[in-house]
All heavy atoms as atom14 arrays in JSON, in Angstrom:
{
  "sequence": "KDDAGHSADPAAIKELEDGGLVTVNGARAAFTSDG",
  "atom14_mask": [
    [1, 1, 1, 1, 1, 1, 1, 1, 1, 0, 0, 0, 0, 0],
    [1, 1, 1, 1, 1, 1, 1, 1, 0, 0, 0, 0, 0, 0],
    [1, 1, 1, 1, 1, 1, 1, 1, 0, 0, 0, 0, 0, 0],
    [1, 1, 1, 1, 1, 0, 0, 0, 0, 0, 0, 0, 0, 0],
    [1, 1, 1, 1, 0, 0, 0, 0, 0, 0, 0, 0, 0, 0],
    [1, 1, 1, 1, 1, 1, 1, 1, 1, 1, 0, 0, 0, 0],
    [1, 1, 1, 1, 1, 1, 0, 0, 0, 0, 0, 0, 0, 0],
    [1, 1, 1, 1, 1, 0, 0, 0, 0, 0, 0, 0, 0, 0],
    [1, 1, 1, 1, 1, 1, 1, 1, 0, 0, 0, 0, 0, 0],
    [1, 1, 1, 1, 1, 1, 1, 0, 0, 0, 0, 0, 0, 0],
    [1, 1, 1, 1, 1, 0, 0, 0, 0, 0, 0, 0, 0, 0],
    [1, 1, 1, 1, 1, 0, 0, 0, 0, 0, 0, 0, 0, 0],
    [1, 1, 1, 1, 1, 1, 1, 1, 0, 0, 0, 0, 0, 0],
    [1, 1, 1, 1, 1, 1, 1, 1, 1, 0, 0, 0, 0, 0],
    [1, 1, 1, 1, 1, 1, 1, 1, 1, 0, 0, 0, 0, 0],
    [1, 1, 1, 1, 1, 1, 1, 1, 0, 0, 0, 0, 0, 0],
    [1, 1, 1, 1, 1, 1, 1, 1, 1, 0, 0, 0, 0, 0],
    [1, 1, 1, 1, 1, 1, 1, 1, 0, 0, 0, 0, 0, 0],
    [1, 1, 1, 1, 0, 0, 0, 0, 0, 0, 0, 0, 0, 0],
    [1, 1, 1, 1, 0, 0, 0, 0, 0, 0, 0, 0, 0, 0],
    [1, 1, 1, 1, 1, 1, 1, 1, 0, 0, 0, 0, 0, 0],
    [1, 1, 1, 1, 1, 1, 1, 0, 0, 0, 0, 0, 0, 0],
    [1, 1, 1, 1, 1, 1, 1, 0, 0, 0, 0, 0, 0, 0],
    [1, 1, 1, 1, 1, 1, 1, 0, 0, 0, 0, 0, 0, 0],
    [1, 1, 1, 1, 1, 1, 1, 1, 0, 0, 0, 0, 0, 0],
    [1, 1, 1, 1, 0, 0, 0, 0, 0, 0, 0, 0, 0, 0],
    [1, 1, 1, 1, 1, 0, 0, 0, 0, 0, 0, 0, 0, 0],
    [1, 1, 1, 1, 1, 1, 1, 1, 1, 1, 1, 0, 0, 0],
    [1, 1, 1, 1, 1, 0, 0, 0, 0, 0, 0, 0, 0, 0],
    [1, 1, 1, 1, 1, 0, 0, 0, 0, 0, 0, 0, 0, 0],
    [1, 1, 1, 1, 1, 1, 1, 1, 1, 1, 1, 0, 0, 0],
    [1, 1, 1, 1, 1, 1, 1, 0, 0, 0, 0, 0, 0, 0],
    [1, 1, 1, 1, 1, 1, 0, 0, 0, 0, 0, 0, 0, 0],
    [1, 1, 1, 1, 1, 1, 1, 1, 0, 0, 0, 0, 0, 0],
    [1, 1, 1, 1, 0, 0, 0, 0, 0, 0, 0, 0, 0, 0]
  ],
  "atom14_positions": [
    [[-1.15, 2.54, 8.22], [-0.85, 3.29, 9.36], [-1.27, 2.39, 10.58], [-2.43, 2.09, 10.64], [-1.33, 4.61, 9.46], [-0.89, 5.53, 10.59], [-1.36, 6.9, 10.46], [-0.7, 7.59, 11.64], [-1.07, 9.04, 11.53], [0.0, 0.0, 0.0], [0.0, 0.0, 0.0], [0.0, 0.0, 0.0], [0.0, 0.0, 0.0], [0.0, 0.0, 0.0]],
    [[-0.38, 2.11, 11.54], [-0.78, 1.35, 12.67], [-1.02, 2.32, 13.92], [-0.84, 3.52, 13.88], [0.12, 0.33, 13.02], [1.48, 0.7, 13.47], [1.67, 1.92, 13.84], [2.42, -0.11, 13.51], [0.0, 0.0, 0.0], [0.0, 0.0, 0.0], [0.0, 0.0, 0.0], [0.0, 0.0, 0.0], [0.0, 0.0, 0.0], [0.0, 0.0, 0.0]],
    [[-1.46, 1.62, 15.02], [-1.88, 2.4, 16.19], [-0.58, 2.9, 16.95], [-0.64, 3.68, 17.84], [-2.59, 1.57, 17.28], [-3.95, 1.29, 16.6], [-4.45, 2.09, 15.81], [-4.57, 0.26, 17.01], [0.0, 0.0, 0.0], [0.0, 0.0, 0.0], [0.0, 0.0, 0.0], [0.0, 0.0, 0.0], [0.0, 0.0, 0.0], [0.0, 0.0, 0.0]],
    [[0.59, 2.34, 16.56], [1.88, 2.76, 17.21], [2.55, 3.94, 16.47], [3.67, 4.3, 16.85], [2.91, 1.52, 17.24], [0.0, 0.0, 0.0], [0.0, 0.0, 0.0], [0.0, 0.0, 0.0], [0.0, 0.0, 0.0], [0.0, 0.0, 0.0], [0.0, 0.0, 0.0], [0.0, 0.0, 0.0], [0.0, 0.0, 0.0], [0.0, 0.0, 0.0]],
    [[1.84, 4.43, 15.45], [2.39, 5.55, 14.79], [3.24, 5.33, 13.59], [3.86, 6.19, 12.93], [0.0, 0.0, 0.0], [0.0, 0.0, 0.0], [0.0, 0.0, 0.0], [0.0, 0.0, 0.0], [0.0, 0.0, 0.0], [0.0, 0.0, 0.0], [0.0, 0.0, 0.0], [0.0, 0.0, 0.0], [0.0, 0.0, 0.0], [0.0, 0.0, 0.0]],
    [[3.42, 4.03, 13.2], [4.17, 3.66, 12.09], [3.28, 3.66, 10.75], [2.17, 3.44, 10.88], [4.72, 2.15, 12.21], [5.53, 1.85, 13.36], [5.07, 1.03, 14.37], [6.65, 2.35, 13.8], [6.0, 1.01, 15.32], [6.99, 1.83, 14.97], [0.0, 0.0, 0.0], [0.0, 0.0, 0.0], [0.0, 0.0, 0.0], [0.0, 0.0, 0.0]],
    [[3.97, 4.19, 9.69], [3.11, 4.29, 8.5], [3.96, 3.98, 7.28], [5.16, 4.24, 7.25], [2.49, 5.7, 8.48], [3.52, 6.59, 8.34], [0.0, 0.0, 0.0], [0.0, 0.0, 0.0], [0.0, 0.0, 0.0], [0.0, 0.0, 0.0], [0.0, 0.0, 0.0], [0.0, 0.0, 0.0], [0.0, 0.0, 0.0], [0.0, 0.0, 0.0]],
    [[3.26, 3.43, 6.32], [3.89, 3.22, 4.91], [4.02, 4.59, 4.32], [3.17, 5.4, 4.28], [3.05, 2.25, 4.22], [0.0, 0.0, 0.0], [0.0, 0.0, 0.0], [0.0, 0.0, 0.0], [0.0, 0.0, 0.0], [0.0, 0.0, 0.0], [0.0, 0.0, 0.0], [0.0, 0.0, 0.0], [0.0, 0.0, 0.0], [0.0, 0.0, 0.0]],
    [[5.11, 4.71, 3.57], [5.33, 5.91, 2.74], [4.25, 6.07, 1.72], [4.13, 5.25, 0.89], [6.7, 5.82, 2.18], [7.01, 7.19, 1.45], [6.64, 7.23, 0.28], [7.65, 8.05, 2.06], [0.0, 0.0, 0.0], [0.0, 0.0, 0.0], [0.0, 0.0, 0.0], [0.0, 0.0, 0.0], [0.0, 0.0, 0.0], [0.0, 0.0, 0.0]],
    [[3.48, 7.2, 1.68], [2.34, 7.32, 0.79], [2.85, 7.3, -0.66], [2.12, 6.71, -1.67], [1.76, 8.72, 1.16], [2.16, 8.92, 2.51], [3.46, 8.27, 2.67], [0.0, 0.0, 0.0], [0.0, 0.0, 0.0], [0.0, 0.0, 0.0], [0.0, 0.0, 0.0], [0.0, 0.0, 0.0], [0.0, 0.0, 0.0], [0.0, 0.0, 0.0]],
    [[4.03, 7.88, -1.07], [4.51, 7.76, -2.4], [4.88, 6.47, -2.84], [4.74, 6.07, -3.95], [5.75, 8.76, -2.56], [0.0, 0.0, 0.0], [0.0, 0.0, 0.0], [0.0, 0.0, 0.0], [0.0, 0.0, 0.0], [0.0, 0.0, 0.0], [0.0, 0.0, 0.0], [0.0, 0.0, 0.0], [0.0, 0.0, 0.0], [0.0, 0.0, 0.0]],
    [[5.43, 5.7, -1.8], [5.83, 4.28, -2.21], [4.53, 3.46, -2.49], [4.49, 2.61, -3.39], [6.64, 3.61, -1.0], [0.0, 0.0, 0.0], [0.0, 0.0, 0.0], [0.0, 0.0, 0.0], [0.0, 0.0, 0.0], [0.0, 0.0, 0.0], [0.0, 0.0, 0.0], [0.0, 0.0, 0.0], [0.0, 0.0, 0.0], [0.0, 0.0, 0.0]],
    [[3.49, 3.58, -1.54], [2.29, 2.85, -1.84], [1.61, 3.26, -3.2], [1.18, 2.48, -3.86], [1.29, 3.09, -0.72], [1.89, 2.53, 0.61], [-0.03, 2.56, -0.99], [2.19, 1.0, 0.55], [0.0, 0.0, 0.0], [0.0, 0.0, 0.0], [0.0, 0.0, 0.0], [0.0, 0.0, 0.0], [0.0, 0.0, 0.0], [0.0, 0.0, 0.0]],
    [[1.66, 4.6, -3.56], [1.09, 5.09, -4.77], [1.85, 4.45, -5.94], [1.34, 4.07, -6.89], [1.17, 6.58, -4.86], [0.79, 7.04, -6.28], [-0.24, 8.19, -6.14], [-0.54, 8.79, -7.51], [-1.06, 7.89, -8.48], [0.0, 0.0, 0.0], [0.0, 0.0, 0.0], [0.0, 0.0, 0.0], [0.0, 0.0, 0.0], [0.0, 0.0, 0.0]],
    [[3.25, 4.33, -5.83], [4.03, 3.78, -6.91], [3.72, 2.32, -7.07], [3.53, 1.86, -8.22], [5.59, 3.93, -6.48], [6.58, 3.33, -7.48], [7.9, 3.49, -6.94], [8.16, 4.25, -6.04], [8.79, 2.81, -7.64], [0.0, 0.0, 0.0], [0.0, 0.0, 0.0], [0.0, 0.0, 0.0], [0.0, 0.0, 0.0], [0.0, 0.0, 0.0]],
    [[3.56, 1.55, -5.97], [3.19, 0.18, -6.05], [1.82, 0.01, -6.66], [1.58, -0.86, -7.46], [3.36, -0.37, -4.74], [4.75, -0.58, -4.1], [4.65, -1.11, -2.73], [5.64, -1.38, -4.96], [0.0, 0.0, 0.0], [0.0, 0.0, 0.0], [0.0, 0.0, 0.0], [0.0, 0.0, 0.0], [0.0, 0.0, 0.0], [0.0, 0.0, 0.0]],
    [[0.9, 0.83, -6.24], [-0.47, 0.74, -6.74], [-0.53, 1.08, -8.25], [-1.04, 0.34, -9.09], [-1.38, 1.71, -6.03], [-2.82, 1.61, -6.32], [-3.83, 2.47, -5.42], [-3.31, 3.61, -5.0], [-4.88, 1.98, -5.27], [0.0, 0.0, 0.0], [0.0, 0.0, 0.0], [0.0, 0.0, 0.0], [0.0, 0.0, 0.0], [0.0, 0.0, 0.0]],
    [[0.28, 2.14, -8.61], [0.27, 2.55, -10.09], [0.96, 1.4, -10.93], [0.58, 1.25, -12.1], [1.07, 3.86, -10.32], [0.33, 5.01, -9.79], [-0.9, 4.98, -9.46], [0.93, 6.14, -9.6], [0.0, 0.0, 0.0], [0.0, 0.0, 0.0], [0.0, 0.0, 0.0], [0.0, 0.0, 0.0], [0.0, 0.0, 0.0], [0.0, 0.0, 0.0]],
    [[1.88, 0.65, -10.31], [2.56, -0.35, -11.04], [1.8, -1.68, -10.93], [2.29, -2.68, -11.43], [0.0, 0.0, 0.0], [0.0, 0.0, 0.0], [0.0, 0.0, 0.0], [0.0, 0.0, 0.0], [0.0, 0.0, 0.0], [0.0, 0.0, 0.0], [0.0, 0.0, 0.0], [0.0, 0.0, 0.0], [0.0, 0.0, 0.0], [0.0, 0.0, 0.0]],
    [[0.59, -1.79, -10.28], [-0.2, -2.97, -10.29], [0.27, -4.05, -9.3], [-0.07, -5.11, -9.44], [0.0, 0.0, 0.0], [0.0, 0.0, 0.0], [0.0, 0.0, 0.0], [0.0, 0.0, 0.0], [0.0, 0.0, 0.0], [0.0, 0.0, 0.0], [0.0, 0.0, 0.0], [0.0, 0.0, 0.0], [0.0, 0.0, 0.0], [0.0, 0.0, 0.0]],
    [[1.1, -3.57, -8.22], [1.61, -4.56, -7.32], [0.89, -4.55, -6.01], [0.78, -5.55, -5.29], [3.09, -4.3, -7.04], [4.01, -4.37, -8.22], [5.39, -3.95, -7.81], [4.09, -5.7, -8.81], [0.0, 0.0, 0.0], [0.0, 0.0, 0.0], [0.0, 0.0, 0.0], [0.0, 0.0, 0.0], [0.0, 0.0, 0.0], [0.0, 0.0, 0.0]],
    [[0.07, -3.48, -5.75], [-0.82, -3.58, -4.55], [-2.16, -2.88, -4.98], [-2.26, -2.1, -5.98], [-0.27, -2.76, -3.28], [1.06, -3.37, -2.86], [-0.13, -1.34, -3.61], [0.0, 0.0, 0.0], [0.0, 0.0, 0.0], [0.0, 0.0, 0.0], [0.0, 0.0, 0.0], [0.0, 0.0, 0.0], [0.0, 0.0, 0.0], [0.0, 0.0, 0.0]],
    [[-3.19, -3.24, -4.27], [-4.51, -2.51, -4.24], [-4.9, -1.97, -3.0], [-4.72, -2.71, -1.85], [-5.58, -3.55, -4.71], [-5.22, -4.13, -5.99], [-6.95, -2.87, -4.8], [0.0, 0.0, 0.0], [0.0, 0.0, 0.0], [0.0, 0.0, 0.0], [0.0, 0.0, 0.0], [0.0, 0.0, 0.0], [0.0, 0.0, 0.0], [0.0, 0.0, 0.0]],
    [[-5.02, -0.67, -2.84], [-5.3, -0.01, -1.48], [-6.78, -0.13, -1.26], [-7.66, 0.16, -2.12], [-4.92, 1.39, -1.58], [-5.3, 2.1, -0.35], [-3.37, 1.63, -1.79], [0.0, 0.0, 0.0], [0.0, 0.0, 0.0], [0.0, 0.0, 0.0], [0.0, 0.0, 0.0], [0.0, 0.0, 0.0], [0.0, 0.0, 0.0], [0.0, 0.0, 0.0]],
    [[-7.15, -0.66, -0.11], [-8.56, -0.82, 0.32], [-8.54, -0.3, 1.78], [-8.14, -1.03, 2.67], [-8.94, -2.24, 0.16], [-10.44, -2.43, 0.5], [-11.17, -1.5, 0.66], [-10.92, -3.69, 0.6], [0.0, 0.0, 0.0], [0.0, 0.0, 0.0], [0.0, 0.0, 0.0], [0.0, 0.0, 0.0], [0.0, 0.0, 0.0], [0.0, 0.0, 0.0]],
    [[-9.01, 0.9, 1.95], [-9.19, 1.46, 3.3], [-7.75, 1.61, 3.87], [-6.85, 2.29, 3.31], [0.0, 0.0, 0.0], [0.0, 0.0, 0.0], [0.0, 0.0, 0.0], [0.0, 0.0, 0.0], [0.0, 0.0, 0.0], [0.0, 0.0, 0.0], [0.0, 0.0, 0.0], [0.0, 0.0, 0.0], [0.0, 0.0, 0.0], [0.0, 0.0, 0.0]],
    [[-7.48, 1.01, 5.0], [-6.26, 1.11, 5.73], [-5.19, 0.19, 5.39], [-4.23, 0.02, 6.0], [-6.5, 1.13, 7.23], [0.0, 0.0, 0.0], [0.0, 0.0, 0.0], [0.0, 0.0, 0.0], [0.0, 0.0, 0.0], [0.0, 0.0, 0.0], [0.0, 0.0, 0.0], [0.0, 0.0, 0.0], [0.0, 0.0, 0.0], [0.0, 0.0, 0.0]],
    [[-5.42, -0.63, 4.35], [-4.59, -1.63, 3.92], [-4.2, -1.61, 2.51], [-4.95, -1.13, 1.69], [-5.24, -3.1, 4.26], [-5.5, -3.37, 5.57], [-6.17, -4.68, 5.83], [-6.6, -4.92, 7.15], [-5.87, -5.46, 8.06], [-4.7, -6.0, 7.79], [-6.29, -5.66, 9.28], [0.0, 0.0, 0.0], [0.0, 0.0, 0.0], [0.0, 0.0, 0.0]],
    [[-3.0, -2.05, 2.14], [-2.57, -2.22, 0.74], [-2.26, -3.78, 0.51], [-1.34, -4.29, 1.18], [-1.29, -1.42, 0.48], [0.0, 0.0, 0.0], [0.0, 0.0, 0.0], [0.0, 0.0, 0.0], [0.0, 0.0, 0.0], [0.0, 0.0, 0.0], [0.0, 0.0, 0.0], [0.0, 0.0, 0.0], [0.0, 0.0, 0.0], [0.0, 0.0, 0.0]],
    [[-3.19, -4.43, -0.2], [-3.01, -5.88, -0.44], [-2.18, -6.17, -1.7], [-2.45, -5.38, -2.73], [-4.5, -6.4, -0.58], [0.0, 0.0, 0.0], [0.0, 0.0, 0.0], [0.0, 0.0, 0.0], [0.0, 0.0, 0.0], [0.0, 0.0, 0.0], [0.0, 0.0, 0.0], [0.0, 0.0, 0.0], [0.0, 0.0, 0.0], [0.0, 0.0, 0.0]],
    [[-1.33, -7.11, -1.59], [-0.55, -7.51, -2.81], [-1.55, -8.1, -3.84], [-2.26, -8.98, -3.54], [0.42, -8.51, -2.39], [1.53, -8.0, -1.43], [2.05, -8.95, -0.55], [1.99, -6.71, -1.56], [2.99, -8.42, 0.39], [2.98, -6.24, -0.57], [3.51, -7.11, 0.32], [0.0, 0.0, 0.0], [0.0, 0.0, 0.0], [0.0, 0.0, 0.0]],
    [[-1.41, -7.58, -5.09], [-2.09, -8.19, -6.23], [-1.48, -9.42, -6.57], [-0.39, -9.92, -5.95], [-2.11, -7.22, -7.39], [-0.66, -7.13, -7.82], [-2.61, -5.84, -7.09], [0.0, 0.0, 0.0], [0.0, 0.0, 0.0], [0.0, 0.0, 0.0], [0.0, 0.0, 0.0], [0.0, 0.0, 0.0], [0.0, 0.0, 0.0], [0.0, 0.0, 0.0]],
    [[-1.95, -10.26, -7.55], [-1.25, -11.39, -8.02], [0.16, -11.11, -8.5], [1.06, -11.85, -8.12], [-2.1, -12.21, -9.08], [-2.29, -11.41, -10.18], [0.0, 0.0, 0.0], [0.0, 0.0, 0.0], [0.0, 0.0, 0.0], [0.0, 0.0, 0.0], [0.0, 0.0, 0.0], [0.0, 0.0, 0.0], [0.0, 0.0, 0.0], [0.0, 0.0, 0.0]],
    [[0.34, -10.07, -9.24], [1.7, -9.65, -9.61], [2.64, -9.25, -8.36], [3.69, -9.58, -8.35], [1.67, -8.49, -10.63], [1.22, -8.83, -12.02], [1.2, -10.02, -12.31], [0.87, -7.93, -12.73], [0.0, 0.0, 0.0], [0.0, 0.0, 0.0], [0.0, 0.0, 0.0], [0.0, 0.0, 0.0], [0.0, 0.0, 0.0], [0.0, 0.0, 0.0]],
    [[1.94, -8.55, -7.45], [2.68, -8.26, -6.21], [3.07, -9.45, -5.4], [4.14, -9.4, -4.88], [0.0, 0.0, 0.0], [0.0, 0.0, 0.0], [0.0, 0.0, 0.0], [0.0, 0.0, 0.0], [0.0, 0.0, 0.0], [0.0, 0.0, 0.0], [0.0, 0.0, 0.0], [0.0, 0.0, 0.0], [0.0, 0.0, 0.0], [0.0, 0.0, 0.0]]
  ]
}
């Protein structure tokens, strides 16, 4: 979520995290090596 009010869809981020494509760390979702 940025200061302009834009945000990533929480369900999409959870799906990517569950699939091993991102790792959520605080306010960021980092691409894993598979991601």
